[in-house]
Amino acid sequence: MLGEAEAIRATGQAKAEAYRAGVESLRSQGYTVMQLMQIVGERNVRIVPDVAVSGNGGSTGLVDGLLGLMVRDQSTKQNAKGD
């Protein structure tokens, strides 16, 4: 039990040391941005939407967006069948 506690403590200290080194080199805001982007990348979070909806230029924005989603879904289904 004592060995496990020491391992946990050593891991925590190593993480804290790495955090301090990161903040020193990138400053707190830069390091925070880097950490957030790392999480975004690891978890495959989408930042840019698949379909953009806009009402500019007399377009029917929402309808265009829904049609875009339908085309994307159809394309995905066809690609899945072809694999």
Protein backbone atom coordinates (compact mmCIF):
# COMPACT_ATOMS: atom_id res chain seq x y z
CA MET A 1 0.00 0.00 0.00
CA LEU A 2 2.82 2.37 0.84
CA GLY A 3 4.53 1.70 -2.51
CA GLU A 4 1.34 2.54 -4.37
CA ALA A 5 0.94 5.81 -2.47
CA GLU A 6 4.53 6.76 -3.27
CA ALA A 7 3.96 6.00 -6.97
CA ILE A 8 0.83 8.17 -7.02
CA ARG A 9 2.69 10.98 -5.25
CA ALA A 10 5.64 10.74 -7.67
CA THR A 11 3.26 10.83 -10.65
CA GLY A 12 1.51 13.90 -9.23
CA GLN A 13 4.80 15.66 -8.60
CA ALA A 14 6.01 14.89 -12.13
CA LYS A 15 2.79 16.28 -13.61
CA ALA A 16 3.05 19.41 -11.47
CA GLU A 17 6.66 19.90 -12.52
CA ALA A 18 5.75 19.49 -16.20
CA TYR A 19 2.90 21.97 -15.76
CA ARG A 20 5.20 24.54 -14.16
CA ALA A 21 7.79 24.10 -16.92
CA GLY A 22 5.07 24.53 -19.58
CA VAL A 23 3.73 27.69 -17.96
CA GLU A 24 7.25 29.12 -17.64
CA SER A 25 8.02 28.53 -21.31
CA LEU A 26 4.65 29.47 -22.85
CA ARG A 27 3.14 31.66 -20.14
CA SER A 28 -0.14 30.62 -18.57
CA GLN A 29 -2.42 31.64 -21.44
CA GLY A 30 -0.31 29.97 -24.12
CA TYR A 31 0.04 26.80 -22.07
CA THR A 32 -3.71 26.71 -21.43
CA VAL A 33 -4.44 27.04 -25.16
CA MET A 34 -1.96 24.26 -25.92
CA GLN A 35 -3.58 21.97 -23.34
CA LEU A 36 -7.07 22.68 -24.68
CA MET A 37 -6.02 21.98 -28.25
CA GLN A 38 -4.38 18.74 -27.15
CA ILE A 39 -7.66 17.63 -25.56
CA VAL A 40 -9.61 18.70 -28.65
CA GLY A 41 -7.28 16.63 -30.82
CA GLU A 42 -7.33 13.56 -28.57
CA ARG A 43 -11.11 13.50 -28.36
CA ASN A 44 -11.76 14.38 -32.02
CA VAL A 45 -13.85 17.42 -31.11
CA ARG A 46 -15.11 19.24 -34.19
CA ILE A 47 -14.39 22.94 -34.16
CA VAL A 48 -15.69 23.77 -37.62
CA PRO A 49 -19.26 22.68 -38.41
CA ASP A 50 -19.92 20.16 -41.18
CA VAL A 51 -22.50 22.47 -42.74
CA ALA A 52 -22.63 26.24 -42.40
CA VAL A 53 -26.05 27.93 -42.43
CA SER A 54 -26.28 31.54 -43.52
CA GLY A 55 -29.18 33.75 -44.55
CA ASN A 56 -27.09 36.08 -46.72
CA GLY A 57 -27.76 36.77 -50.38
CA GLY A 58 -31.44 35.79 -50.45
CA SER A 59 -30.55 32.17 -49.70
CA THR A 60 -32.87 29.96 -47.71
CA GLY A 61 -30.08 29.25 -45.18
CA LEU A 62 -31.84 26.62 -43.05
CA VAL A 63 -33.14 24.65 -46.04
CA ASP A 64 -29.68 24.71 -47.62
CA GLY A 65 -28.21 23.47 -44.35
CA LEU A 66 -30.68 20.61 -44.07
CA LEU A 67 -30.09 19.63 -47.69
CA GLY A 68 -26.36 19.67 -47.04
CA LEU A 69 -26.78 17.34 -44.06
CA MET A 70 -28.95 14.98 -46.11
CA VAL A 71 -26.36 14.83 -48.91
CA ARG A 72 -23.60 14.21 -46.36
CA ASP A 73 -25.58 11.38 -44.73
CA GLN A 74 -26.34 9.76 -48.10
CA SER A 75 -22.69 10.00 -49.08
CA THR A 76 -21.62 8.43 -45.78
CA LYS A 77 -24.08 5.55 -46.22
CA GLN A 78 -22.90 4.88 -49.77
CA ASN A 79 -19.26 4.94 -48.70
CA ALA A 80 -20.03 2.48 -45.88
CA LYS A 81 -21.68 0.07 -48.35
CA GLY A 82 -18.73 0.31 -50.71
CA ASP A 83 -16.17 -0.63 -48.03
